[in-house]
Amino acid sequence: MPSTWLNALTKYNYPVKLSDYSSAKNYTNTFNLEITGARESTVNFENYFRDNCENIEVWYEVVFWKMYSQKSRSDNRTTALIEQLKIYKLAANHLIIKLQSFIDEPTYDNFDGFRKLFHFKSKVIAIIATFPAFLNPMQFPMVDTRTARWVNSQLEIHNSHDLNSPKLIKSAYRNTNKAPVLTMDDFDFYLHWIKWTRYMATKLSQITEMKWRARDVEMAVFTAWGDRFCTHPSLKLNPI
C-alpha cells in the first residue's frame, strides 16, 4: 500500500527558475538558482534557505518560488511583499524569531503574529505557511488550495481507516468564481493538517526504506491531486 505514496512523491515536480523574476537583476547574490523540480532539487532549495535565512533576500526568493506557478501574479506579488518588508524595515532575524515562536508552539496567535509582519491586506496564509515548512520540514507541511481540495475530497476514507490518527477536517476554502485562497479562517484546518502529515510521516517511515518528513507527505498529496487540467485526484493515495 505505501507504493502509491512513494509513486506520488517520486513524481513530485515543481521547477522554478529564480532568474525569471523581473527584478532579479537588482540582486547580485540571489535570484540565480534554478530548481529543476524533483524532490531532491526542492529539498536542496529548502536547505539553502535554512543555511542563508539571515539574509532577507533569501526570504524574497522563497516568495517568488512559492508564487512561480501563478505566472500572471508571481512578479507583482513578490514585488509588493518586498516593498512592504522594506517599508517596515523588517530584518531577517526579526522574522526568524517570530517564526520560531510558531514552530515551538503552533498556536493561532503565534502564526498570526508571524503573518502580520508581512502586512498583507487580507488574512491569507498559504505564503506564510511556506516558511515553517522550509525552516522545519520534518514537522511542518506547506498548505495551499491544491492540498485543501485533496483533503476535502479524501478525508473520509483516510479518517476512517486509522481510528488512532489525527483527523483531517474540511477547510473553509470554497471553489467560487472569486480567486480562491486559504485565510486565517482555515487555521484549524491547517493545524489538523500539520498533525496528520506528521503522523503519516511516522507511519510511512516505518513501512518504507526512507525517512519521511511532514513536508514529504504534503508533496505526495500535492502531486496526487494533480494540476488544473486533469481529473482529480490524478493519483490514488491508499490509506495506510
C-alpha atoms as a PDB file:
ATOM      1  CA  MET A   1       0.000   0.000   0.000  1.00  0.00           C
ATOM      2  CA  PRO A   2       2.777   2.563   0.615  1.00  0.00           C
ATOM      3  CA  SER A   3       3.773   2.158  -3.029  1.00  0.00           C
ATOM      4  CA  THR A   4       1.128   4.730  -4.021  1.00  0.00           C
ATOM      5  CA  TRP A   5       2.728   7.252  -1.676  1.00  0.00           C
ATOM      6  CA  LEU A   6       6.224   6.525  -2.940  1.00  0.00           C
ATOM      7  CA  ASN A   7       4.965   6.828  -6.503  1.00  0.00           C
ATOM      8  CA  ALA A   8       3.401  10.233  -5.857  1.00  0.00           C
ATOM      9  CA  LEU A   9       6.489  11.551  -4.067  1.00  0.00           C
ATOM     10  CA  THR A  10       8.739  10.310  -6.873  1.00  0.00           C
ATOM     11  CA  LYS A  11       6.580  12.172  -9.389  1.00  0.00           C
ATOM     12  CA  TYR A  12       6.662  15.457  -7.477  1.00  0.00           C
ATOM     13  CA  ASN A  13       7.726  18.166  -9.918  1.00  0.00           C
ATOM     14  CA  TYR A  14       7.794  21.905  -9.295  1.00  0.00           C
ATOM     15  CA  PRO A  15      10.519  23.518 -11.432  1.00  0.00           C
ATOM     16  CA  VAL A  16      11.394  27.141 -10.753  1.00  0.00           C
ATOM     17  CA  LYS A  17      13.937  29.468 -12.343  1.00  0.00           C
ATOM     18  CA  LEU A  18      14.507  32.303  -9.886  1.00  0.00           C
ATOM     19  CA  SER A  19      16.159  34.496 -12.511  1.00  0.00           C
ATOM     20  CA  ASP A  20      12.755  34.765 -14.201  1.00  0.00           C
ATOM     21  CA  TYR A  21      11.810  37.339 -11.570  1.00  0.00           C
ATOM     22  CA  SER A  22      11.612  40.648 -13.448  1.00  0.00           C
ATOM     23  CA  SER A  23      13.702  42.442 -10.820  1.00  0.00           C
ATOM     24  CA  ALA A  24      16.298  39.673 -10.436  1.00  0.00           C
ATOM     25  CA  LYS A  25      18.964  41.948 -11.952  1.00  0.00           C
ATOM     26  CA  ASN A  26      18.673  44.164  -8.852  1.00  0.00           C
ATOM     27  CA  TYR A  27      20.066  41.376  -6.666  1.00  0.00           C
ATOM     28  CA  THR A  28      23.709  40.404  -7.019  1.00  0.00           C
ATOM     29  CA  ASN A  29      23.980  37.228  -4.986  1.00  0.00           C
ATOM     30  CA  THR A  30      20.404  35.932  -5.100  1.00  0.00           C
ATOM     31  CA  PHE A  31      17.733  35.091  -7.683  1.00  0.00           C
ATOM     32  CA  ASN A  32      20.182  32.991  -9.668  1.00  0.00           C
ATOM     33  CA  LEU A  33      19.258  29.426  -8.663  1.00  0.00           C
ATOM     34  CA  GLU A  34      17.341  27.027 -10.857  1.00  0.00           C
ATOM     35  CA  ILE A  35      15.292  24.364  -9.089  1.00  0.00           C
ATOM     36  CA  THR A  36      14.767  21.523 -11.552  1.00  0.00           C
ATOM     37  CA  GLY A  37      11.581  20.499  -9.766  1.00  0.00           C
ATOM     38  CA  ALA A  38      12.127  16.969  -8.454  1.00  0.00           C
ATOM     39  CA  ARG A  39      12.100  16.297  -4.717  1.00  0.00           C
ATOM     40  CA  GLU A  40      15.906  16.316  -4.384  1.00  0.00           C
ATOM     41  CA  SER A  41      16.296  19.723  -6.022  1.00  0.00           C
ATOM     42  CA  THR A  42      13.479  21.128  -3.913  1.00  0.00           C
ATOM     43  CA  VAL A  43      14.998  19.746  -0.714  1.00  0.00           C
ATOM     44  CA  ASN A  44      18.283  21.388  -1.734  1.00  0.00           C
ATOM     45  CA  PHE A  45      16.447  24.703  -2.043  1.00  0.00           C
ATOM     46  CA  GLU A  46      14.939  24.220   1.417  1.00  0.00           C
ATOM     47  CA  ASN A  47      18.435  23.529   2.777  1.00  0.00           C
ATOM     48  CA  TYR A  48      19.721  26.642   1.010  1.00  0.00           C
ATOM     49  CA  PHE A  49      17.035  28.710   2.740  1.00  0.00           C
ATOM     50  CA  ARG A  50      17.932  27.374   6.190  1.00  0.00           C
ATOM     51  CA  ASP A  51      21.641  27.956   5.590  1.00  0.00           C
ATOM     52  CA  ASN A  52      21.084  31.532   4.440  1.00  0.00           C
ATOM     53  CA  CYS A  53      17.890  32.668   6.162  1.00  0.00           C
ATOM     54  CA  GLU A  54      19.660  35.503   7.981  1.00  0.00           C
ATOM     55  CA  ASN A  55      19.757  37.214   4.583  1.00  0.00           C
ATOM     56  CA  ILE A  56      16.380  38.874   3.958  1.00  0.00           C
ATOM     57  CA  GLU A  57      16.772  38.481   0.197  1.00  0.00           C
ATOM     58  CA  VAL A  58      16.562  34.703   0.574  1.00  0.00           C
ATOM     59  CA  TRP A  59      13.068  35.189   2.012  1.00  0.00           C
ATOM     60  CA  TYR A  60      12.201  37.127  -1.148  1.00  0.00           C
ATOM     61  CA  GLU A  61      13.385  34.168  -3.216  1.00  0.00           C
ATOM     62  CA  VAL A  62      11.098  31.780  -1.357  1.00  0.00           C
ATOM     63  CA  VAL A  63       8.116  34.032  -2.006  1.00  0.00           C
ATOM     64  CA  PHE A  64       8.871  34.089  -5.725  1.00  0.00           C
ATOM     65  CA  TRP A  65       9.409  30.313  -5.679  1.00  0.00           C
ATOM     66  CA  LYS A  66       6.026  29.850  -3.997  1.00  0.00           C
ATOM     67  CA  MET A  67       4.255  32.158  -6.457  1.00  0.00           C
ATOM     68  CA  TYR A  68       6.060  30.866  -9.551  1.00  0.00           C
ATOM     69  CA  SER A  69       3.214  28.713 -10.862  1.00  0.00           C
ATOM     70  CA  GLN A  70       0.948  31.764 -10.930  1.00  0.00           C
ATOM     71  CA  LYS A  71       2.679  33.300 -13.908  1.00  0.00           C
ATOM     72  CA  SER A  72       0.461  36.372 -14.136  1.00  0.00           C
ATOM     73  CA  ARG A  73       0.846  37.215 -10.448  1.00  0.00           C
ATOM     74  CA  SER A  74       4.263  35.999  -9.320  1.00  0.00           C
ATOM     75  CA  ASP A  75       6.168  39.169 -10.203  1.00  0.00           C
ATOM     76  CA  ASN A  76       3.623  41.590  -8.776  1.00  0.00           C
ATOM     77  CA  ARG A  77       3.029  39.625  -5.576  1.00  0.00           C
ATOM     78  CA  THR A  78       6.750  39.205  -4.934  1.00  0.00           C
ATOM     79  CA  THR A  79       7.488  42.872  -5.574  1.00  0.00           C
ATOM     80  CA  ALA A  80       4.598  44.006  -3.387  1.00  0.00           C
ATOM     81  CA  LEU A  81       5.777  41.854  -0.492  1.00  0.00           C
ATOM     82  CA  ILE A  82       9.381  43.039  -0.845  1.00  0.00           C
ATOM     83  CA  GLU A  83       8.231  46.657  -0.793  1.00  0.00           C
ATOM     84  CA  GLN A  84       6.162  46.039   2.342  1.00  0.00           C
ATOM     85  CA  LEU A  85       9.073  44.451   4.179  1.00  0.00           C
ATOM     86  CA  LYS A  86      11.311  47.354   3.176  1.00  0.00           C
ATOM     87  CA  ILE A  87       8.775  49.966   4.293  1.00  0.00           C
ATOM     88  CA  TYR A  88       8.572  48.400   7.742  1.00  0.00           C
ATOM     89  CA  LYS A  89      12.349  47.773   7.803  1.00  0.00           C
ATOM     90  CA  LEU A  90      11.935  44.154   8.829  1.00  0.00           C
ATOM     91  CA  ALA A  91      15.195  42.289   9.257  1.00  0.00           C
ATOM     92  CA  ALA A  92      15.504  38.560   8.654  1.00  0.00           C
ATOM     93  CA  ASN A  93      16.365  37.980  12.314  1.00  0.00           C
ATOM     94  CA  HIS A  94      13.053  39.521  13.346  1.00  0.00           C
ATOM     95  CA  LEU A  95      11.205  37.169  11.004  1.00  0.00           C
ATOM     96  CA  ILE A  96      13.180  34.172  12.281  1.00  0.00           C
ATOM     97  CA  ILE A  97      12.344  34.938  15.913  1.00  0.00           C
ATOM     98  CA  LYS A  98       8.617  35.247  15.200  1.00  0.00           C
ATOM     99  CA  LEU A  99       8.618  32.161  13.007  1.00  0.00           C
ATOM    100  CA  GLN A 100      10.462  30.135  15.625  1.00  0.00           C
ATOM    101  CA  SER A 101       7.792  31.077  18.161  1.00  0.00           C
ATOM    102  CA  PHE A 102       5.197  29.409  15.954  1.00  0.00           C
ATOM    103  CA  ILE A 103       7.391  26.379  15.305  1.00  0.00           C
ATOM    104  CA  ASP A 104       7.955  25.946  19.057  1.00  0.00           C
ATOM    105  CA  GLU A 105       4.276  26.474  19.873  1.00  0.00           C
ATOM    106  CA  PRO A 106       1.975  26.220  16.824  1.00  0.00           C
ATOM    107  CA  THR A 107      -0.951  28.301  18.032  1.00  0.00           C
ATOM    108  CA  TYR A 108      -3.289  30.654  16.203  1.00  0.00           C
ATOM    109  CA  ASP A 109      -1.787  33.696  17.926  1.00  0.00           C
ATOM    110  CA  ASN A 110       1.799  32.734  17.151  1.00  0.00           C
ATOM    111  CA  PHE A 111       1.012  32.073  13.491  1.00  0.00           C
ATOM    112  CA  ASP A 112      -0.998  35.276  13.171  1.00  0.00           C
ATOM    113  CA  GLY A 113       1.779  37.231  14.867  1.00  0.00           C
ATOM    114  CA  PHE A 114       4.234  35.976  12.264  1.00  0.00           C
ATOM    115  CA  ARG A 115       1.754  36.567   9.426  1.00  0.00           C
ATOM    116  CA  LYS A 116       1.125  40.168  10.461  1.00  0.00           C
ATOM    117  CA  LEU A 117       4.795  41.027   9.937  1.00  0.00           C
ATOM    118  CA  PHE A 118       4.168  40.782   6.184  1.00  0.00           C
ATOM    119  CA  HIS A 119       1.320  43.336   6.262  1.00  0.00           C
ATOM    120  CA  PHE A 120      -0.909  41.592   3.740  1.00  0.00           C
ATOM    121  CA  LYS A 121      -4.159  43.389   3.021  1.00  0.00           C
ATOM    122  CA  SER A 122      -6.115  40.182   3.654  1.00  0.00           C
ATOM    123  CA  LYS A 123      -5.652  37.286   6.058  1.00  0.00           C
ATOM    124  CA  VAL A 124      -4.079  34.898   3.527  1.00  0.00           C
ATOM    125  CA  ILE A 125      -1.975  32.066   4.924  1.00  0.00           C
ATOM    126  CA  ALA A 126      -0.502  29.955   2.098  1.00  0.00           C
ATOM    127  CA  ILE A 127       2.604  32.087   1.508  1.00  0.00           C
ATOM    128  CA  ILE A 128       3.186  32.402   5.249  1.00  0.00           C
ATOM    129  CA  ALA A 129       2.848  28.635   5.783  1.00  0.00           C
ATOM    130  CA  THR A 130       5.695  28.104   3.326  1.00  0.00           C
ATOM    131  CA  PHE A 131       8.271  29.396   5.812  1.00  0.00           C
ATOM    132  CA  PRO A 132       7.745  26.941   8.705  1.00  0.00           C
ATOM    133  CA  ALA A 133       7.848  24.145   6.104  1.00  0.00           C
ATOM    134  CA  PHE A 134      11.187  25.435   4.819  1.00  0.00           C
ATOM    135  CA  LEU A 135      12.666  26.070   8.260  1.00  0.00           C
ATOM    136  CA  ASN A 136      11.469  22.763   9.738  1.00  0.00           C
ATOM    137  CA  PRO A 137      10.246  20.368   7.006  1.00  0.00           C
ATOM    138  CA  MET A 138      10.361  17.388   9.361  1.00  0.00           C
ATOM    139  CA  GLN A 139       7.484  18.830  11.370  1.00  0.00           C
ATOM    140  CA  PHE A 140       5.662  21.256   9.065  1.00  0.00           C
ATOM    141  CA  PRO A 141       3.984  20.826   5.671  1.00  0.00           C
ATOM    142  CA  MET A 142       3.095  23.602   3.299  1.00  0.00           C
ATOM    143  CA  VAL A 143      -0.601  24.179   2.633  1.00  0.00           C
ATOM    144  CA  ASP A 144      -2.463  25.601  -0.339  1.00  0.00           C
ATOM    145  CA  THR A 145      -5.767  25.247  -2.168  1.00  0.00           C
ATOM    146  CA  ARG A 146      -4.469  22.222  -4.049  1.00  0.00           C
ATOM    147  CA  THR A 147      -3.807  20.253  -0.865  1.00  0.00           C
ATOM    148  CA  ALA A 148      -7.027  21.639   0.648  1.00  0.00           C
ATOM    149  CA  ARG A 149      -9.062  20.253  -2.236  1.00  0.00           C
ATOM    150  CA  TRP A 150      -7.437  16.846  -1.794  1.00  0.00           C
ATOM    151  CA  VAL A 151      -8.255  16.883   1.925  1.00  0.00           C
ATOM    152  CA  ASN A 152     -11.846  17.983   1.348  1.00  0.00           C
ATOM    153  CA  SER A 153     -12.415  15.154  -1.110  1.00  0.00           C
ATOM    154  CA  GLN A 154     -10.415  12.365   0.574  1.00  0.00           C
ATOM    155  CA  LEU A 155     -10.670  12.939   4.320  1.00  0.00           C
ATOM    156  CA  GLU A 156     -13.493  10.458   4.994  1.00  0.00           C
ATOM    157  CA  ILE A 157     -11.675   7.415   3.631  1.00  0.00           C
ATOM    158  CA  HIS A 158      -8.400   8.332   5.367  1.00  0.00           C
ATOM    159  CA  ASN A 159     -10.011   9.302   8.691  1.00  0.00           C
ATOM    160  CA  SER A 160     -11.994   6.062   8.866  1.00  0.00           C
ATOM    161  CA  HIS A 161      -9.028   3.824   8.031  1.00  0.00           C
ATOM    162  CA  ASP A 162      -6.968   4.565  11.149  1.00  0.00           C
ATOM    163  CA  LEU A 163      -9.021   5.439  14.211  1.00  0.00           C
ATOM    164  CA  ASN A 164      -5.873   6.413  16.144  1.00  0.00           C
ATOM    165  CA  SER A 165      -4.647   9.006  13.652  1.00  0.00           C
ATOM    166  CA  PRO A 166      -5.200  12.755  13.983  1.00  0.00           C
ATOM    167  CA  LYS A 167      -8.274  13.640  11.961  1.00  0.00           C
ATOM    168  CA  LEU A 168      -8.340  15.716   8.830  1.00  0.00           C
ATOM    169  CA  ILE A 169     -11.080  18.344   8.740  1.00  0.00           C
ATOM    170  CA  LYS A 170     -12.544  20.330   5.865  1.00  0.00           C
ATOM    171  CA  SER A 171     -11.178  23.750   5.069  1.00  0.00           C
ATOM    172  CA  ALA A 172     -13.334  26.832   4.728  1.00  0.00           C
ATOM    173  CA  TYR A 173     -11.986  27.094   1.173  1.00  0.00           C
ATOM    174  CA  ARG A 174     -14.658  27.224  -1.499  1.00  0.00           C
ATOM    175  CA  ASN A 175     -14.071  26.998  -5.233  1.00  0.00           C
ATOM    176  CA  THR A 176     -16.011  30.101  -6.287  1.00  0.00           C
ATOM    177  CA  ASN A 177     -15.707  32.499  -9.185  1.00  0.00           C
ATOM    178  CA  LYS A 178     -13.517  34.684  -6.993  1.00  0.00           C
ATOM    179  CA  ALA A 179      -9.825  33.909  -6.627  1.00  0.00           C
ATOM    180  CA  PRO A 180      -9.798  31.039  -4.103  1.00  0.00           C
ATOM    181  CA  VAL A 181      -7.430  31.431  -1.167  1.00  0.00           C
ATOM    182  CA  LEU A 182      -6.890  29.991   2.287  1.00  0.00           C
ATOM    183  CA  THR A 183      -7.216  32.511   5.117  1.00  0.00           C
ATOM    184  CA  MET A 184      -6.956  32.593   8.893  1.00  0.00           C
ATOM    185  CA  ASP A 185     -10.473  31.136   8.884  1.00  0.00           C
ATOM    186  CA  ASP A 186      -8.696  27.949   7.799  1.00  0.00           C
ATOM    187  CA  PHE A 187      -6.206  27.889  10.672  1.00  0.00           C
ATOM    188  CA  ASP A 188      -7.933  24.985  12.443  1.00  0.00           C
ATOM    189  CA  PHE A 189      -7.848  23.057   9.163  1.00  0.00           C
ATOM    190  CA  TYR A 190      -4.129  23.901   8.837  1.00  0.00           C
ATOM    191  CA  LEU A 191      -3.385  22.747  12.386  1.00  0.00           C
ATOM    192  CA  HIS A 192      -5.117  19.400  11.800  1.00  0.00           C
ATOM    193  CA  TRP A 193      -3.197  19.097   8.511  1.00  0.00           C
ATOM    194  CA  ILE A 194       0.109  19.621  10.355  1.00  0.00           C
ATOM    195  CA  LYS A 195      -0.709  16.916  12.914  1.00  0.00           C
ATOM    196  CA  TRP A 196      -1.914  14.469  10.250  1.00  0.00           C
ATOM    197  CA  THR A 197       1.139  14.874   7.994  1.00  0.00           C
ATOM    198  CA  ARG A 198       3.435  14.323  10.983  1.00  0.00           C
ATOM    199  CA  TYR A 199       1.573  11.143  11.886  1.00  0.00           C
ATOM    200  CA  MET A 200       1.631   9.910   8.312  1.00  0.00           C
ATOM    201  CA  ALA A 201       5.337  10.682   8.011  1.00  0.00           C
ATOM    202  CA  THR A 202       5.995   8.476  11.037  1.00  0.00           C
ATOM    203  CA  LYS A 203       3.901   5.615   9.624  1.00  0.00           C
ATOM    204  CA  LEU A 204       5.455   5.832   6.170  1.00  0.00           C
ATOM    205  CA  SER A 205       8.955   5.906   7.673  1.00  0.00           C
ATOM    206  CA  GLN A 206       8.183   2.639   9.465  1.00  0.00           C
ATOM    207  CA  ILE A 207       6.992   0.785   6.363  1.00  0.00           C
ATOM    208  CA  THR A 208       9.266   2.158   3.645  1.00  0.00           C
ATOM    209  CA  GLU A 209      13.014   2.479   3.266  1.00  0.00           C
ATOM    210  CA  MET A 210      13.117   6.260   3.588  1.00  0.00           C
ATOM    211  CA  LYS A 211      12.715   8.794   6.361  1.00  0.00           C
ATOM    212  CA  TRP A 212       9.560  10.729   5.568  1.00  0.00           C
ATOM    213  CA  ARG A 213       9.016  14.314   6.629  1.00  0.00           C
ATOM    214  CA  ALA A 214       5.698  16.106   7.098  1.00  0.00           C
ATOM    215  CA  ARG A 215       6.735  18.096   4.033  1.00  0.00           C
ATOM    216  CA  ASP A 216       7.148  14.860   2.020  1.00  0.00           C
ATOM    217  CA  VAL A 217       3.620  13.767   2.882  1.00  0.00           C
ATOM    218  CA  GLU A 218       2.375  17.138   1.636  1.00  0.00           C
ATOM    219  CA  MET A 219       4.470  16.833  -1.551  1.00  0.00           C
ATOM    220  CA  ALA A 220       2.855  13.451  -2.267  1.00  0.00           C
ATOM    221  CA  VAL A 221      -0.628  14.894  -1.721  1.00  0.00           C
ATOM    222  CA  PHE A 222       0.166  17.932  -3.883  1.00  0.00           C
ATOM    223  CA  THR A 223       1.250  15.612  -6.696  1.00  0.00           C
ATOM    224  CA  ALA A 224      -1.638  13.209  -6.230  1.00  0.00           C
ATOM    225  CA  TRP A 225      -4.260  15.917  -6.638  1.00  0.00           C
ATOM    226  CA  GLY A 226      -2.816  16.950  -9.995  1.00  0.00           C
ATOM    227  CA  ASP A 227      -2.812  20.211 -11.906  1.00  0.00           C
ATOM    228  CA  ARG A 228      -5.843  22.167 -13.067  1.00  0.00           C
ATOM    229  CA  PHE A 229      -6.153  20.314 -16.365  1.00  0.00           C
ATOM    230  CA  CYS A 230      -6.634  16.751 -15.074  1.00  0.00           C
ATOM    231  CA  THR A 231      -9.263  14.647 -13.362  1.00  0.00           C
ATOM    232  CA  HIS A 232      -8.882  14.898  -9.585  1.00  0.00           C
ATOM    233  CA  PRO A 233      -7.240  13.258  -7.845  1.00  0.00           C
ATOM    234  CA  SER A 234      -4.913  12.239 -10.654  1.00  0.00           C
ATOM    235  CA  LEU A 235      -3.121   9.649  -8.492  1.00  0.00           C
ATOM    236  CA  LYS A 236      -4.516   7.344  -5.812  1.00  0.00           C
ATOM    237  CA  LEU A 237      -3.072   7.520  -2.305  1.00  0.00           C
ATOM    238  CA  ASN A 238      -4.057   4.412  -0.375  1.00  0.00           C
ATOM    239  CA  PRO A 239      -4.936   4.785   3.306  1.00  0.00           C
ATOM    240  CA  ILE A 240      -2.239   3.172   5.408  1.00  0.00           C
END
